[in-house]
Protein backbone atom coordinates (compact mmCIF):
# COMPACT_ATOMS: atom_id res chain seq x y z
CA UNK A 1 27.10 -3.84 -10.65
CA UNK A 2 27.50 -3.25 -6.96
CA UNK A 3 23.83 -3.76 -6.08
CA UNK A 4 23.99 -7.32 -7.42
CA UNK A 5 26.13 -8.13 -4.37
CA UNK A 6 23.64 -6.70 -1.89
CA UNK A 7 21.69 -9.34 -0.06
CA UNK A 8 18.12 -9.94 -1.13
CA UNK A 9 15.22 -9.13 1.20
CA UNK A 10 13.96 -11.91 3.39
CA UNK A 11 12.32 -14.59 1.31
CA UNK A 12 9.32 -14.55 3.62
CA UNK A 13 8.48 -11.00 2.51
CA UNK A 14 8.18 -11.85 -1.18
CA UNK A 15 6.70 -15.24 -0.37
CA UNK A 16 4.01 -13.46 1.64
CA UNK A 17 3.00 -11.34 -1.35
CA UNK A 18 2.94 -14.37 -3.63
CA UNK A 19 0.92 -16.28 -1.06
CA UNK A 20 -1.62 -13.45 -0.89
CA UNK A 21 -2.02 -13.50 -4.68
CA UNK A 22 -2.40 -17.28 -4.58
CA UNK A 23 -4.99 -17.04 -1.79
CA UNK A 24 -7.05 -14.56 -3.81
CA UNK A 25 -6.86 -16.74 -6.91
CA UNK A 26 -7.87 -19.82 -4.90
CA UNK A 27 -10.76 -17.91 -3.31
CA UNK A 28 -12.09 -16.88 -6.71
CA UNK A 29 -11.92 -20.47 -7.93
CA UNK A 30 -13.68 -21.85 -4.85
CA UNK A 31 -16.50 -19.29 -5.06
CA UNK A 32 -17.01 -20.01 -8.74
CA UNK A 33 -17.11 -23.74 -8.00
CA UNK A 34 -19.76 -23.20 -5.31
CA UNK A 35 -21.93 -21.09 -7.60
CA UNK A 36 -21.56 -23.54 -10.46
CA UNK A 37 -22.65 -26.39 -8.17
CA UNK A 38 -25.68 -24.34 -7.14
CA UNK A 39 -26.58 -23.61 -10.76
CA UNK A 40 -26.22 -27.26 -11.78
CA UNK A 41 -28.12 -28.52 -8.74
CA UNK A 42 -31.11 -26.26 -9.33
CA UNK A 43 -31.38 -26.67 -13.10
CA UNK A 44 -34.42 -28.56 -14.47
CA UNK A 45 -35.69 -29.60 -11.03
CA UNK A 46 -39.30 -29.10 -12.08
CA UNK A 47 -39.01 -31.87 -14.65
CA UNK A 48 -38.01 -34.40 -11.99
CA UNK A 49 -39.59 -33.34 -8.68
CA UNK A 50 -42.90 -32.12 -7.37
CA UNK A 51 -43.29 -28.44 -6.51
CA UNK A 52 -42.79 -29.12 -2.81
CA UNK A 53 -39.61 -31.09 -3.43
CA UNK A 54 -38.32 -28.48 -5.87
CA UNK A 55 -38.42 -25.84 -3.13
CA UNK A 56 -36.67 -28.22 -0.73
CA UNK A 57 -33.94 -29.06 -3.25
CA UNK A 58 -33.36 -25.38 -4.02
CA UNK A 59 -33.12 -24.59 -0.31
CA UNK A 60 -30.61 -27.40 0.25
CA UNK A 61 -28.51 -26.34 -2.74
CA UNK A 62 -28.57 -22.72 -1.58
CA UNK A 63 -27.48 -23.63 1.93
CA UNK A 64 -24.68 -25.83 0.60
CA UNK A 65 -23.39 -23.10 -1.74
CA UNK A 66 -23.55 -20.44 0.97
CA UNK A 67 -21.58 -22.70 3.32
CA UNK A 68 -18.89 -23.26 0.66
CA UNK A 69 -18.64 -19.55 -0.08
CA UNK A 70 -18.44 -18.63 3.61
CA UNK A 71 -15.68 -21.21 4.09
CA UNK A 72 -13.80 -19.80 1.09
CA UNK A 73 -14.12 -16.26 2.53
CA UNK A 74 -12.89 -17.33 5.96
CA UNK A 75 -9.95 -19.30 4.57
CA UNK A 76 -8.77 -16.41 2.40
CA UNK A 77 -9.25 -13.91 5.23
CA UNK A 78 -7.18 -16.02 7.63
CA UNK A 79 -4.37 -16.45 5.10
CA UNK A 80 -4.24 -12.78 4.22
CA UNK A 81 -4.14 -11.72 7.87
CA UNK A 82 -1.24 -14.09 8.46
CA UNK A 83 0.76 -12.79 5.50
CA UNK A 84 0.05 -9.10 6.09
CA UNK A 85 1.51 -9.61 9.53
CA UNK A 86 4.75 -10.71 7.83
CA UNK A 87 4.72 -7.61 5.63
CA UNK A 88 4.07 -5.28 8.57
CA UNK A 89 6.91 -6.86 10.56
CA UNK A 90 9.25 -6.43 7.59
CA UNK A 91 8.29 -2.79 7.09
CA UNK A 92 8.68 -2.13 10.82
CA UNK A 93 12.21 -3.55 10.71
CA UNK A 94 13.08 -1.26 7.80
CA UNK A 95 11.71 1.93 9.35
CA UNK A 96 12.79 1.38 12.96
CA UNK A 97 16.23 -0.17 12.51
CA UNK A 98 18.91 1.48 14.69
CA UNK A 99 21.59 3.47 12.85
CA UNK A 100 24.94 1.60 13.05
CA UNK A 101 27.47 3.51 15.16
CA UNK A 102 30.34 3.17 12.66
CA UNK A 103 28.08 4.42 9.87
CA UNK A 104 26.97 7.40 11.97
CA UNK A 105 30.60 8.27 12.78
CA UNK A 106 31.47 8.20 9.08
CA UNK A 107 28.59 10.48 8.20
CA UNK A 108 29.65 12.96 10.89
CA UNK A 109 33.19 13.04 9.52
CA UNK A 110 31.98 13.80 5.99
CA UNK A 111 29.64 16.50 7.27
CA UNK A 112 31.89 18.14 9.88
CA UNK A 113 34.93 18.30 7.60
CA UNK A 114 32.93 19.22 4.50
CA UNK A 115 34.23 16.21 2.60
CA UNK A 116 32.76 15.47 -0.82
CA UNK A 117 31.56 11.98 -1.63
CA UNK A 118 32.04 10.07 -4.88
CA UNK A 119 29.30 7.95 -6.36
CA UNK A 120 31.20 4.80 -5.39
CA UNK A 121 31.38 5.98 -1.79
CA UNK A 122 27.68 6.82 -1.70
CA UNK A 123 26.79 3.44 -3.19
CA UNK A 124 29.12 1.72 -0.73
CA UNK A 125 27.41 3.34 2.23
CA UNK A 126 24.01 2.68 0.68
CA UNK A 127 24.84 -1.00 0.48
CA UNK A 128 26.02 -1.09 4.09
CA UNK A 129 22.71 0.29 5.39
CA UNK A 130 20.51 -1.85 3.21
CA UNK A 131 16.90 -1.94 4.48
CA UNK A 132 17.64 0.65 7.18
CA UNK A 133 15.35 3.58 6.45
CA UNK A 134 16.64 5.95 9.18
CA UNK A 135 20.24 5.40 8.06
CA UNK A 136 19.32 5.98 4.42
CA UNK A 137 17.77 9.29 5.38
CA UNK A 138 21.01 10.32 7.09
CA UNK A 139 23.02 9.25 4.04
CA UNK A 140 20.64 11.20 1.78
CA UNK A 141 21.17 14.37 3.83
CA UNK A 142 24.97 14.08 3.71
CA UNK A 143 25.22 12.89 0.10
CA UNK A 144 23.06 15.77 -1.10
CA UNK A 145 25.97 18.12 -0.51
CA UNK A 146 28.00 16.15 -3.03
CA UNK A 147 25.29 16.17 -5.66
CA UNK A 148 23.69 12.78 -5.04
CA UNK A 149 20.08 11.92 -4.36
CA UNK A 150 19.64 8.78 -2.27
CA UNK A 151 16.17 7.31 -2.05
CA UNK A 152 14.27 4.14 -1.26
CA UNK A 153 10.87 2.88 -2.39
CA UNK A 154 8.17 4.96 -0.76
CA UNK A 155 7.39 3.72 2.72
CA UNK A 156 4.00 5.41 2.41
CA UNK A 157 3.31 3.40 -0.74
CA UNK A 158 4.34 0.18 0.98
CA UNK A 159 1.97 0.98 3.85
CA UNK A 160 -0.73 1.58 1.24
CA UNK A 161 0.05 -1.85 -0.25
CA UNK A 162 -0.53 -3.47 3.13
CA UNK A 163 -3.79 -1.62 3.70
CA UNK A 164 -5.04 -2.65 0.25
CA UNK A 165 -4.29 -6.27 1.02
CA UNK A 166 -5.86 -6.07 4.48
CA UNK A 167 -9.14 -4.80 3.02
CA UNK A 168 -9.50 -7.99 0.99
CA UNK A 169 -9.59 -9.88 4.29
CA UNK A 170 -12.83 -8.08 5.19
CA UNK A 171 -15.73 -10.52 4.86
CA UNK A 172 -18.20 -11.24 3.39
CA UNK A 173 -16.39 -10.64 0.11
CA UNK A 174 -19.37 -10.77 -2.30
CA UNK A 175 -17.03 -11.92 -5.06
CA UNK A 176 -18.98 -12.76 -8.23
CA UNK A 177 -17.39 -14.71 -11.09
CA UNK A 178 -18.20 -13.65 -14.64
CA UNK A 179 -21.54 -15.04 -15.71
CA UNK A 180 -22.81 -15.79 -12.20
CA UNK A 181 -24.57 -12.54 -11.24
CA UNK A 182 -27.96 -14.27 -11.03
CA UNK A 183 -26.61 -16.87 -8.62
CA UNK A 184 -24.77 -14.22 -6.56
CA UNK A 185 -27.92 -12.15 -6.15
CA UNK A 186 -29.64 -15.23 -4.74
CA UNK A 187 -26.84 -16.49 -2.54
CA UNK A 188 -25.26 -13.38 -1.05
CA UNK A 189 -26.37 -11.63 2.17
CA UNK A 190 -26.81 -7.89 2.59
CA UNK A 191 -24.07 -5.55 1.38
CA UNK A 192 -21.72 -4.73 4.29
CA UNK A 193 -20.18 -1.36 5.05
CA UNK A 194 -16.87 -2.01 6.78
CA UNK A 195 -15.06 -0.06 9.46
CA UNK A 196 -11.31 0.43 9.16
CA UNK A 197 -10.69 -2.59 11.38
CA UNK A 198 -12.75 -4.86 9.12
CA UNK A 199 -15.82 -5.10 11.33
CA UNK A 200 -19.20 -4.43 9.74
CA UNK A 201 -20.59 -1.02 10.68
CA UNK A 202 -23.97 -1.66 9.08
CA UNK A 203 -25.61 -3.32 6.08
CA UNK A 204 -27.08 -1.54 3.05
CA UNK A 205 -29.56 -4.22 2.06
CA UNK A 206 -29.36 -6.80 -0.70
CA UNK A 207 -26.62 -6.13 -3.24
CA UNK A 208 -27.40 -5.25 -6.83
CA UNK A 209 -25.37 -6.14 -9.93
CA UNK A 210 -23.36 -2.89 -9.75
CA UNK A 211 -22.34 -3.53 -6.13
CA UNK A 212 -21.29 -7.08 -6.98
CA UNK A 213 -19.23 -5.81 -9.91
CA UNK A 214 -17.42 -3.30 -7.69
CA UNK A 215 -16.59 -5.86 -5.00
CA UNK A 216 -15.36 -8.34 -7.60
CA UNK A 217 -13.27 -5.78 -9.51
CA UNK A 218 -11.38 -4.88 -6.34
CA UNK A 219 -10.35 -8.46 -5.74
CA UNK A 220 -9.26 -9.02 -9.34
CA UNK A 221 -7.41 -5.70 -9.41
CA UNK A 222 -5.42 -6.47 -6.25
CA UNK A 223 -4.24 -9.80 -7.59
CA UNK A 224 -2.94 -8.06 -10.72
CA UNK A 225 -1.38 -5.20 -8.74
CA UNK A 226 0.55 -7.66 -6.59
CA UNK A 227 2.03 -9.35 -9.67
CA UNK A 228 2.72 -6.17 -11.64
CA UNK A 229 3.71 -3.61 -8.98
CA UNK A 230 4.01 -4.83 -5.40
CA UNK A 231 6.43 -7.70 -5.99
CA UNK A 232 8.81 -5.36 -7.80
CA UNK A 233 8.48 -2.66 -5.15
CA UNK A 234 9.14 -5.01 -2.23
CA UNK A 235 11.81 -7.03 -4.02
CA UNK A 236 14.16 -4.05 -4.42
CA UNK A 237 13.81 -2.43 -1.00
CA UNK A 238 17.22 -0.84 -1.17
CA UNK A 239 18.72 2.62 -1.71
CA UNK A 240 18.88 4.09 -5.20
CA UNK A 241 21.66 6.61 -5.91
CA UNK A 242 21.26 9.32 -8.54
CA UNK A 243 23.61 12.17 -9.43
CA UNK A 244 21.89 15.56 -9.54
CA UNK A 245 22.77 19.23 -9.65
CA UNK A 246 23.57 20.22 -6.05
CA UNK A 247 22.15 23.73 -6.22
CA UNK A 248 18.93 22.74 -7.98
CA UNK A 249 18.40 19.72 -5.75
CA UNK A 250 18.90 21.55 -2.46
CA UNK A 251 16.77 24.49 -3.58
CA UNK A 252 13.94 22.14 -4.53
CA UNK A 253 14.21 20.35 -1.20
CA UNK A 254 13.96 23.61 0.73
CA UNK A 255 11.11 24.82 -1.50
CA UNK A 256 9.22 21.59 -0.87
CA UNK A 257 9.55 22.02 2.89
CA UNK A 258 8.39 25.62 2.61
CA UNK A 259 5.37 24.62 0.54
CA UNK A 260 4.45 22.06 3.16
CA UNK A 261 4.49 24.85 5.74
CA UNK A 262 2.22 26.94 3.52
CA UNK A 263 -0.17 24.00 3.21
CA UNK A 264 -0.24 23.58 7.00
CA UNK A 265 -0.97 27.25 7.54
CA UNK A 266 -3.69 27.18 4.90
CA UNK A 267 -5.35 24.17 6.49
CA UNK A 268 -5.39 25.87 9.90
CA UNK A 269 -7.84 28.46 8.71
CA UNK A 270 -10.46 25.90 7.72
CA UNK A 271 -13.13 25.66 10.42
CA UNK A 272 -14.93 22.31 10.50
CA UNK A 273 -17.39 21.87 7.63
CA UNK A 274 -17.54 25.63 6.91
CA UNK A 275 -14.07 25.47 5.33
CA UNK A 276 -13.42 29.19 5.73
CA UNK A 277 -10.29 29.91 3.68
CA UNK A 278 -7.69 32.61 4.17
CA UNK A 279 -8.20 35.81 2.25
CA UNK A 280 -6.04 36.43 -0.83
CA UNK A 281 -3.98 39.05 1.02
CA UNK A 282 -3.27 36.71 3.92
CA UNK A 283 -2.40 33.85 1.63
CA UNK A 284 0.00 35.93 -0.45
CA UNK A 285 1.63 37.25 2.72
CA UNK A 286 2.16 33.71 3.96
CA UNK A 287 3.42 32.60 0.56
CA UNK A 288 5.90 35.47 0.36
CA UNK A 289 7.20 34.77 3.86
CA UNK A 290 7.67 31.11 3.12
CA UNK A 291 9.36 31.84 -0.20
CA UNK A 292 11.85 34.07 1.59
CA UNK A 293 12.38 31.34 4.18
CA UNK A 294 12.96 28.81 1.39
CA UNK A 295 15.56 30.97 -0.33
CA UNK A 296 17.35 31.68 2.97
CA UNK A 297 17.50 28.00 3.89
CA UNK A 298 18.75 27.07 0.43
CA UNK A 299 21.58 29.61 0.68
CA UNK A 300 22.52 28.35 4.15
CA UNK A 301 22.63 24.73 2.96
CA UNK A 302 24.69 25.61 -0.10
CA UNK A 303 27.15 27.61 1.99
CA UNK A 304 27.74 24.62 4.26
CA UNK A 305 28.75 22.44 1.33
CA UNK A 306 30.93 24.90 -0.59
């Protein structure tokens, strides 16, 4: 198959995702080790030490565990920030790559002369603009007239992947291994509320078991999502070509654009928190106008490719 000959994405991109998953796994192991040490160090102290020494030993064990956990948080945060930088650079290259001049000339020839493309031609061009999002969008516009849909993995979803990973770098993490809730409640500081940049806006007081469960579930979930979804999504960052019905495809595209316009107009009539919505008559008038616009644009597009 042709795509087998297309070069793979930079190894550093996939390596970065794998490194993030490994950093999360290592963090979980280090936190569990710290809590286990604390549990072992504070067990049965009363049978060996006086009350005064028991308090001292517990304080020392607590401080040691908290230091280990803080170090684990900082190490994971630093690694994740380094690797998300790699992912952001890769995505920036994909979305901001210049369109090759020879490719642009070819697209203009197909469009200006109304030439139809075969699937082999579309796939050939798709391979030549591998990991070039602007060029793929141009190819998609031209290939649509020949009945082909050209798409890439969602850039919005890839941006969401990066944001999900970045949030795990926010510290303190409050990760709690299974069976260590009691230790976590003793060792962890107040529950942080993070700003978008990762800084702590304020604290909500000591965490409870539900809060600890939520923080921990997010970390476990991300590690699984990287293995199951993100690696696959980032590994095949290349155009996918599908044959579709020209008329149906173009009509749906125009209808989608029209619906987006309707949504924009609807949102404009919301006023702050009052959320005053358009009346039914106004909405239907807008909807009818946009539907007419959609049908007109669809006919114009189809006429250009007849």
